[in-house]
C-alpha atoms as a PDB file:
ATOM      1  CA  MET A   1      -4.343  26.004 -16.652  1.00  0.00           C
ATOM      2  CA  THR A   2      -7.515  24.310 -15.425  1.00  0.00           C
ATOM      3  CA  THR A   3     -10.138  26.714 -14.141  1.00  0.00           C
ATOM      4  CA  VAL A   4     -12.825  25.896 -11.618  1.00  0.00           C
ATOM      5  CA  PRO A   5     -16.368  26.990 -12.543  1.00  0.00           C
ATOM      6  CA  GLN A   6     -17.759  29.786 -10.403  1.00  0.00           C
ATOM      7  CA  GLY A   7     -19.516  28.479  -7.335  1.00  0.00           C
ATOM      8  CA  ARG A   8     -17.460  25.280  -7.257  1.00  0.00           C
ATOM      9  CA  SER A   9     -14.224  24.560  -5.441  1.00  0.00           C
ATOM     10  CA  GLU A  10     -11.481  22.063  -6.108  1.00  0.00           C
ATOM     11  CA  ARG A  11     -11.499  19.164  -3.662  1.00  0.00           C
ATOM     12  CA  PHE A  12      -8.801  16.592  -3.191  1.00  0.00           C
ATOM     13  CA  PRO A  13     -10.446  13.254  -4.142  1.00  0.00           C
ATOM     14  CA  PHE A  14      -9.778  11.721  -0.728  1.00  0.00           C
ATOM     15  CA  GLU A  15     -11.914  14.437   0.860  1.00  0.00           C
ATOM     16  CA  LEU A  16     -14.917  13.006  -0.969  1.00  0.00           C
ATOM     17  CA  VAL A  17     -14.667   9.870   1.163  1.00  0.00           C
ATOM     18  CA  ARG A  18     -13.175  11.312   4.351  1.00  0.00           C
ATOM     19  CA  PRO A  19     -15.819   9.755   6.677  1.00  0.00           C
ATOM     20  CA  GLN A  20     -15.164   6.301   5.223  1.00  0.00           C
ATOM     21  CA  LEU A  21     -11.389   6.746   5.464  1.00  0.00           C
ATOM     22  CA  GLU A  22     -11.749   7.707   9.115  1.00  0.00           C
ATOM     23  CA  LYS A  23     -13.494   4.366   9.668  1.00  0.00           C
ATOM     24  CA  VAL A  24     -10.654   2.604   7.859  1.00  0.00           C
ATOM     25  CA  GLU A  25      -8.137   4.416  10.057  1.00  0.00           C
ATOM     26  CA  ALA A  26      -9.970   3.386  13.217  1.00  0.00           C
ATOM     27  CA  SER A  27     -10.140  -0.219  12.011  1.00  0.00           C
ATOM     28  CA  ILE A  28      -6.405  -0.291  11.254  1.00  0.00           C
ATOM     29  CA  ARG A  29      -5.662   0.860  14.795  1.00  0.00           C
ATOM     30  CA  ASP A  30      -8.124  -1.702  16.184  1.00  0.00           C
ATOM     31  CA  GLN A  31      -6.165  -4.538  14.565  1.00  0.00           C
ATOM     32  CA  VAL A  32      -3.553  -4.158  17.307  1.00  0.00           C
ATOM     33  CA  ARG A  33      -5.871  -5.998  19.702  1.00  0.00           C
ATOM     34  CA  ALA A  34      -5.706  -9.143  17.568  1.00  0.00           C
ATOM     35  CA  PHE A  35      -2.089  -9.701  18.593  1.00  0.00           C
ATOM     36  CA  ASP A  36      -0.524 -11.114  21.739  1.00  0.00           C
ATOM     37  CA  PRO A  37      -0.055  -8.441  24.444  1.00  0.00           C
ATOM     38  CA  ALA A  38       3.712  -8.839  24.164  1.00  0.00           C
ATOM     39  CA  VAL A  39       3.527  -8.033  20.442  1.00  0.00           C
ATOM     40  CA  GLU A  40       0.905  -5.264  20.617  1.00  0.00           C
ATOM     41  CA  PRO A  41       3.338  -2.366  21.233  1.00  0.00           C
ATOM     42  CA  TYR A  42       5.308  -3.153  18.073  1.00  0.00           C
ATOM     43  CA  VAL A  43       2.199  -3.480  15.910  1.00  0.00           C
ATOM     44  CA  SER A  44       0.749  -0.336  17.462  1.00  0.00           C
ATOM     45  CA  TYR A  45       3.896   1.632  16.628  1.00  0.00           C
ATOM     46  CA  VAL A  46       3.574   0.732  12.952  1.00  0.00           C
ATOM     47  CA  CYS A  47      -0.218   1.063  12.724  1.00  0.00           C
ATOM     48  CA  ASN A  48      -0.334   4.431  14.450  1.00  0.00           C
ATOM     49  CA  THR A  49       2.098   6.141  12.088  1.00  0.00           C
ATOM     50  CA  SER A  50      -0.420   7.678   9.718  1.00  0.00           C
ATOM     51  CA  GLY A  51       0.446   7.199   6.074  1.00  0.00           C
ATOM     52  CA  LYS A  52      -1.320   8.537   3.021  1.00  0.00           C
ATOM     53  CA  ARG A  53      -3.739   5.571   2.973  1.00  0.00           C
ATOM     54  CA  ILE A  54      -3.837   5.633  -0.813  1.00  0.00           C
ATOM     55  CA  ARG A  55      -4.854   1.990  -1.213  1.00  0.00           C
ATOM     56  CA  PRO A  56      -7.863   2.198   1.132  1.00  0.00           C
ATOM     57  CA  ALA A  57      -8.867   5.446  -0.560  1.00  0.00           C
ATOM     58  CA  LEU A  58      -8.809   3.732  -3.942  1.00  0.00           C
ATOM     59  CA  SER A  59     -10.991   0.862  -2.726  1.00  0.00           C
ATOM     60  CA  VAL A  60     -13.490   3.299  -1.206  1.00  0.00           C
ATOM     61  CA  LEU A  61     -13.519   5.614  -4.222  1.00  0.00           C
ATOM     62  CA  THR A  62     -14.027   2.641  -6.538  1.00  0.00           C
ATOM     63  CA  GLY A  63     -16.945   1.422  -4.452  1.00  0.00           C
ATOM     64  CA  GLY A  64     -18.495   4.879  -4.535  1.00  0.00           C
ATOM     65  CA  ALA A  65     -17.993   5.194  -8.278  1.00  0.00           C
ATOM     66  CA  LEU A  66     -19.832   1.925  -8.819  1.00  0.00           C
ATOM     67  CA  GLY A  67     -22.789   2.771  -6.631  1.00  0.00           C
ATOM     68  CA  GLU A  68     -22.266   2.461  -2.904  1.00  0.00           C
ATOM     69  CA  VAL A  69     -19.436   2.030  -0.410  1.00  0.00           C
ATOM     70  CA  GLY A  70     -20.078  -1.031   1.727  1.00  0.00           C
ATOM     71  CA  GLU A  71     -18.332  -2.499   4.752  1.00  0.00           C
ATOM     72  CA  ASN A  72     -16.394  -4.869   2.523  1.00  0.00           C
ATOM     73  CA  HIS A  73     -14.840  -1.937   0.656  1.00  0.00           C
ATOM     74  CA  LEU A  74     -13.567  -0.636   3.988  1.00  0.00           C
ATOM     75  CA  LYS A  75     -12.349  -4.080   4.971  1.00  0.00           C
ATOM     76  CA  ILE A  76     -10.349  -4.658   1.798  1.00  0.00           C
ATOM     77  CA  GLY A  77      -8.824  -1.218   2.305  1.00  0.00           C
ATOM     78  CA  VAL A  78      -7.668  -2.239   5.786  1.00  0.00           C
ATOM     79  CA  ILE A  79      -6.249  -5.514   4.485  1.00  0.00           C
ATOM     80  CA  LEU A  80      -4.287  -3.913   1.666  1.00  0.00           C
ATOM     81  CA  GLU A  81      -2.959  -1.194   3.963  1.00  0.00           C
ATOM     82  CA  LEU A  82      -1.719  -3.815   6.437  1.00  0.00           C
ATOM     83  CA  ILE A  83       0.081  -5.575   3.603  1.00  0.00           C
ATOM     84  CA  HIS A  84       1.550  -2.257   2.495  1.00  0.00           C
ATOM     85  CA  MET A  85       2.757  -1.520   6.030  1.00  0.00           C
ATOM     86  CA  ALA A  86       4.352  -4.967   6.208  1.00  0.00           C
ATOM     87  CA  THR A  87       6.263  -4.289   2.998  1.00  0.00           C
ATOM     88  CA  LEU A  88       7.476  -0.944   4.370  1.00  0.00           C
ATOM     89  CA  VAL A  89       8.822  -2.634   7.506  1.00  0.00           C
ATOM     90  CA  HIS A  90      10.723  -5.087   5.322  1.00  0.00           C
ATOM     91  CA  ASP A  91      11.834  -2.374   2.868  1.00  0.00           C
ATOM     92  CA  ASP A  92      13.386  -0.362   5.673  1.00  0.00           C
ATOM     93  CA  ILE A  93      15.448  -3.380   6.713  1.00  0.00           C
ATOM     94  CA  ILE A  94      16.674  -4.003   3.172  1.00  0.00           C
ATOM     95  CA  ASP A  95      17.458  -0.321   2.587  1.00  0.00           C
ATOM     96  CA  GLY A  96      18.861   0.383   6.032  1.00  0.00           C
ATOM     97  CA  ALA A  97      16.425   3.294   6.360  1.00  0.00           C
ATOM     98  CA  VAL A  98      16.516   5.159   9.659  1.00  0.00           C
ATOM     99  CA  THR A  99      13.403   7.333   9.421  1.00  0.00           C
ATOM    100  CA  ARG A 100       9.973   7.095   7.835  1.00  0.00           C
ATOM    101  CA  ARG A 101       7.155   9.605   8.247  1.00  0.00           C
ATOM    102  CA  MET A 102       9.443  11.731  10.422  1.00  0.00           C
ATOM    103  CA  ILE A 103       9.974   9.011  13.069  1.00  0.00           C
ATOM    104  CA  PRO A 104      12.468   6.135  13.519  1.00  0.00           C
ATOM    105  CA  THR A 105      11.750   2.994  11.507  1.00  0.00           C
ATOM    106  CA  ALA A 106      11.041  -0.298  13.248  1.00  0.00           C
ATOM    107  CA  ASN A 107      14.455  -1.462  12.075  1.00  0.00           C
ATOM    108  CA  ALA A 108      16.143   1.559  13.667  1.00  0.00           C
ATOM    109  CA  LYS A 109      14.304   1.007  16.964  1.00  0.00           C
ATOM    110  CA  TRP A 110      14.438  -2.753  17.359  1.00  0.00           C
ATOM    111  CA  GLY A 111      16.821  -4.164  14.780  1.00  0.00           C
ATOM    112  CA  ALA A 112      16.410  -6.381  11.749  1.00  0.00           C
ATOM    113  CA  GLY A 113      15.502  -9.618  13.513  1.00  0.00           C
ATOM    114  CA  LEU A 114      12.431  -8.338  15.318  1.00  0.00           C
ATOM    115  CA  SER A 115      11.418  -6.146  12.378  1.00  0.00           C
ATOM    116  CA  VAL A 116      11.415  -9.078   9.945  1.00  0.00           C
ATOM    117  CA  LEU A 117       9.071 -10.963  12.253  1.00  0.00           C
ATOM    118  CA  LEU A 118       6.907  -7.869  12.741  1.00  0.00           C
ATOM    119  CA  GLY A 119       6.475  -7.514   8.988  1.00  0.00           C
ATOM    120  CA  ASP A 120       5.663 -11.219   8.737  1.00  0.00           C
ATOM    121  CA  ALA A 121       3.049 -10.870  11.492  1.00  0.00           C
ATOM    122  CA  LEU A 122       1.348  -7.991   9.660  1.00  0.00           C
ATOM    123  CA  PHE A 123       1.354  -9.966   6.397  1.00  0.00           C
ATOM    124  CA  SER A 124      -0.117 -13.020   8.116  1.00  0.00           C
ATOM    125  CA  HIS A 125      -2.833 -11.046   9.866  1.00  0.00           C
ATOM    126  CA  ALA A 126      -3.862  -9.346   6.628  1.00  0.00           C
ATOM    127  CA  LEU A 127      -4.175 -12.700   4.869  1.00  0.00           C
ATOM    128  CA  HIS A 128      -6.161 -14.056   7.823  1.00  0.00           C
ATOM    129  CA  LEU A 129      -8.625 -11.170   7.484  1.00  0.00           C
ATOM    130  CA  ALA A 130      -8.904 -11.885   3.761  1.00  0.00           C
ATOM    131  CA  THR A 131     -10.183 -15.403   4.504  1.00  0.00           C
ATOM    132  CA  GLU A 132     -13.283 -13.896   6.132  1.00  0.00           C
ATOM    133  CA  PHE A 133     -14.854 -12.860   2.808  1.00  0.00           C
ATOM    134  CA  GLU A 134     -17.605 -15.237   1.702  1.00  0.00           C
ATOM    135  CA  ASP A 135     -16.277 -15.136  -1.856  1.00  0.00           C
ATOM    136  CA  ILE A 136     -13.008 -17.085  -1.708  1.00  0.00           C
ATOM    137  CA  SER A 137     -11.824 -15.459  -4.929  1.00  0.00           C
ATOM    138  CA  ILE A 138     -11.256 -12.242  -2.936  1.00  0.00           C
ATOM    139  CA  CYS A 139      -8.743 -14.002  -0.702  1.00  0.00           C
ATOM    140  CA  ARG A 140      -7.114 -15.498  -3.787  1.00  0.00           C
ATOM    141  CA  LYS A 141      -6.727 -12.034  -5.321  1.00  0.00           C
ATOM    142  CA  VAL A 142      -5.220 -10.674  -2.112  1.00  0.00           C
ATOM    143  CA  GLY A 143      -2.757 -13.560  -2.062  1.00  0.00           C
ATOM    144  CA  TYR A 144      -1.834 -12.935  -5.694  1.00  0.00           C
ATOM    145  CA  ALA A 145      -1.175  -9.245  -5.040  1.00  0.00           C
ATOM    146  CA  SER A 146       0.949 -10.084  -1.989  1.00  0.00           C
ATOM    147  CA  ARG A 147       3.024 -12.530  -3.998  1.00  0.00           C
ATOM    148  CA  GLU A 148       3.543  -9.951  -6.749  1.00  0.00           C
ATOM    149  CA  VAL A 149       4.796  -7.377  -4.243  1.00  0.00           C
ATOM    150  CA  CYS A 150       7.288  -9.829  -2.758  1.00  0.00           C
ATOM    151  CA  GLN A 151       8.465 -10.943  -6.195  1.00  0.00           C
ATOM    152  CA  GLY A 152       8.968  -7.330  -7.222  1.00  0.00           C
ATOM    153  CA  GLU A 153      11.153  -6.689  -4.192  1.00  0.00           C
ATOM    154  CA  ILE A 154      13.180  -9.836  -4.864  1.00  0.00           C
ATOM    155  CA  VAL A 155      13.804  -8.942  -8.502  1.00  0.00           C
ATOM    156  CA  GLN A 156      14.661  -5.350  -7.582  1.00  0.00           C
ATOM    157  CA  THR A 157      17.220  -6.561  -5.047  1.00  0.00           C
ATOM    158  CA  GLN A 158      18.569  -9.100  -7.519  1.00  0.00           C
ATOM    159  CA  ARG A 159      18.963  -6.520 -10.298  1.00  0.00           C
ATOM    160  CA  ARG A 160      20.462  -3.755  -8.160  1.00  0.00           C
ATOM    161  CA  TRP A 161      23.488  -2.257  -9.944  1.00  0.00           C
ATOM    162  CA  ASP A 162      22.660  -4.304 -13.057  1.00  0.00           C
ATOM    163  CA  LEU A 163      23.520  -1.906 -15.879  1.00  0.00           C
ATOM    164  CA  THR A 164      21.761  -4.153 -18.399  1.00  0.00           C
ATOM    165  CA  LEU A 165      18.384  -3.359 -16.787  1.00  0.00           C
ATOM    166  CA  THR A 166      16.025  -2.180 -19.526  1.00  0.00           C
ATOM    167  CA  LYS A 167      13.072   0.186 -19.330  1.00  0.00           C
ATOM    168  CA  ALA A 168      10.787  -2.832 -19.705  1.00  0.00           C
ATOM    169  CA  ASP A 169      12.564  -4.545 -16.786  1.00  0.00           C
ATOM    170  CA  TYR A 170      12.128  -1.447 -14.631  1.00  0.00           C
ATOM    171  CA  PHE A 171       8.435  -1.168 -15.443  1.00  0.00           C
ATOM    172  CA  ARG A 172       7.854  -4.833 -14.643  1.00  0.00           C
ATOM    173  CA  ILE A 173       9.560  -4.416 -11.264  1.00  0.00           C
ATOM    174  CA  ILE A 174       7.507  -1.386 -10.253  1.00  0.00           C
ATOM    175  CA  GLU A 175       4.301  -2.961 -11.539  1.00  0.00           C
ATOM    176  CA  MET A 176       4.920  -5.854  -9.162  1.00  0.00           C
ATOM    177  CA  LYS A 177       6.229  -3.978  -6.116  1.00  0.00           C
ATOM    178  CA  THR A 178       3.789  -1.036  -6.207  1.00  0.00           C
ATOM    179  CA  GLY A 179       1.263  -1.412  -9.008  1.00  0.00           C
ATOM    180  CA  ALA A 180      -0.009  -4.758  -7.704  1.00  0.00           C
ATOM    181  CA  LEU A 181      -1.552  -3.353  -4.519  1.00  0.00           C
ATOM    182  CA  PHE A 182      -3.035  -0.331  -6.298  1.00  0.00           C
ATOM    183  CA  ALA A 183      -4.556  -2.696  -8.864  1.00  0.00           C
ATOM    184  CA  ALA A 184      -5.847  -4.951  -6.101  1.00  0.00           C
ATOM    185  CA  ALA A 185      -7.521  -1.966  -4.425  1.00  0.00           C
ATOM    186  CA  THR A 186      -9.460  -0.959  -7.525  1.00  0.00           C
ATOM    187  CA  GLY A 187      -9.982  -4.432  -8.987  1.00  0.00           C
ATOM    188  CA  ILE A 188     -11.140  -6.132  -5.793  1.00  0.00           C
ATOM    189  CA  ALA A 189     -13.346  -3.170  -4.895  1.00  0.00           C
ATOM    190  CA  ALA A 190     -14.995  -3.537  -8.295  1.00  0.00           C
ATOM    191  CA  ALA A 191     -15.585  -7.232  -7.646  1.00  0.00           C
ATOM    192  CA  LEU A 192     -17.090  -6.426  -4.244  1.00  0.00           C
ATOM    193  CA  SER A 193     -19.463  -4.006  -5.986  1.00  0.00           C
ATOM    194  CA  GLY A 194     -20.667  -6.786  -8.270  1.00  0.00           C
ATOM    195  CA  ALA A 195     -19.070  -5.312 -11.384  1.00  0.00           C
ATOM    196  CA  ASP A 196     -18.907  -7.430 -14.531  1.00  0.00           C
ATOM    197  CA  ALA A 197     -15.601  -8.977 -15.584  1.00  0.00           C
ATOM    198  CA  GLU A 198     -14.799  -6.271 -18.146  1.00  0.00           C
ATOM    199  CA  THR A 199     -15.354  -3.431 -15.665  1.00  0.00           C
ATOM    200  CA  GLU A 200     -13.280  -5.196 -13.026  1.00  0.00           C
ATOM    201  CA  ALA A 201     -10.458  -5.741 -15.522  1.00  0.00           C
ATOM    202  CA  ARG A 202     -10.509  -2.100 -16.594  1.00  0.00           C
ATOM    203  CA  LEU A 203     -10.420  -0.850 -13.026  1.00  0.00           C
ATOM    204  CA  PHE A 204      -7.636  -3.303 -12.213  1.00  0.00           C
ATOM    205  CA  ASP A 205      -5.673  -1.887 -15.147  1.00  0.00           C
ATOM    206  CA  TYR A 206      -6.387   1.659 -13.971  1.00  0.00           C
ATOM    207  CA  GLY A 207      -5.012   0.839 -10.525  1.00  0.00           C
ATOM    208  CA  MET A 208      -1.940  -0.768 -12.059  1.00  0.00           C
ATOM    209  CA  LYS A 209      -1.190   2.304 -14.168  1.00  0.00           C
ATOM    210  CA  LEU A 210      -1.779   4.645 -11.241  1.00  0.00           C
ATOM    211  CA  GLY A 211       0.513   2.612  -8.990  1.00  0.00           C
ATOM    212  CA  THR A 212       3.202   2.504 -11.664  1.00  0.00           C
ATOM    213  CA  ALA A 213       3.056   6.277 -12.109  1.00  0.00           C
ATOM    214  CA  TYR A 214       3.190   6.754  -8.345  1.00  0.00           C
ATOM    215  CA  GLN A 215       6.339   4.608  -8.063  1.00  0.00           C
ATOM    216  CA  ILE A 216       8.049   6.568 -10.845  1.00  0.00           C
ATOM    217  CA  TYR A 217       7.288   9.751  -8.895  1.00  0.00           C
ATOM    218  CA  ASP A 218       8.579   8.161  -5.679  1.00  0.00           C
ATOM    219  CA  ASP A 219      11.789   7.052  -7.391  1.00  0.00           C
ATOM    220  CA  CYS A 220      12.360  10.587  -8.667  1.00  0.00           C
ATOM    221  CA  LEU A 221      11.729  11.899  -5.166  1.00  0.00           C
ATOM    222  CA  ASP A 222      14.341   9.498  -3.828  1.00  0.00           C
ATOM    223  CA  LEU A 223      16.883  11.074  -6.177  1.00  0.00           C
ATOM    224  CA  VAL A 224      16.128  14.781  -5.833  1.00  0.00           C
ATOM    225  CA  GLY A 225      13.865  15.137  -2.786  1.00  0.00           C
ATOM    226  CA  SER A 226      14.649  16.575   0.635  1.00  0.00           C
ATOM    227  CA  GLU A 227      14.524  14.258   3.646  1.00  0.00           C
ATOM    228  CA  ALA A 228      13.202  17.125   5.760  1.00  0.00           C
ATOM    229  CA  ASP A 229      10.264  17.602   3.393  1.00  0.00           C
ATOM    230  CA  VAL A 230       9.607  13.947   2.570  1.00  0.00           C
ATOM    231  CA  GLY A 231      10.022  12.639   6.115  1.00  0.00           C
ATOM    232  CA  LYS A 232      11.980   9.490   5.325  1.00  0.00           C
ATOM    233  CA  THR A 233      15.508   8.362   4.556  1.00  0.00           C
ATOM    234  CA  LEU A 234      16.289   9.030   0.874  1.00  0.00           C
ATOM    235  CA  ARG A 235      18.850   7.798  -1.657  1.00  0.00           C
ATOM    236  CA  THR A 236      19.215   4.402   0.017  1.00  0.00           C
ATOM    237  CA  ASP A 237      19.033   2.637  -3.347  1.00  0.00           C
ATOM    238  CA  LEU A 238      21.902   4.718  -4.712  1.00  0.00           C
ATOM    239  CA  GLU A 239      24.014   4.165  -1.613  1.00  0.00           C
ATOM    240  CA  LYS A 240      23.503   0.421  -1.866  1.00  0.00           C
END
């Protein structure tokens, strides 16, 4: 058992950057205004369902670890979270999920057709924001991560019920579908901090490993978790 030295208390890492994450949260909600008034309510519904915000937290924590958290660390956190939210909208269509974070999914409320377009709109807006960085390599890295996520989802759907799937195949799928955005959060944040290539690569690898571990946990939760506790539809992969 790990003991905490007298006079110190354990703090969840996200609490170390709570003020910055509150700014990220406000910025995510502000993105609604970028859309047509007819589309705003749908975007608002998705953006106002508070998630764990792991990817923004990783970008902020990385910036802090390398010296200072700047506005660009917050911005990349917003971008990656928008991409993540877009993938969740699409995931819920594919899986036929009815609830997420204790409320109805976009698919359950408005159907697959509108939800597909809503996810596409979130993806497109995130990529538009990524073009605003002066360093065009940042946008390129965001695009790469987005492509990896989509490829991971395609391969997962393609290999569903494939009993020849190996452990290596499984790891490659979850590296793409989940690890890619975690790695982007830490790797891009390092680049924004002016880190050298080796440091950026190491932090990218750290994010990839963390994202992979998180997806393994999430997959286990899907098998043995309680929907009441987790707040989303479970066992959709098994049912399909």
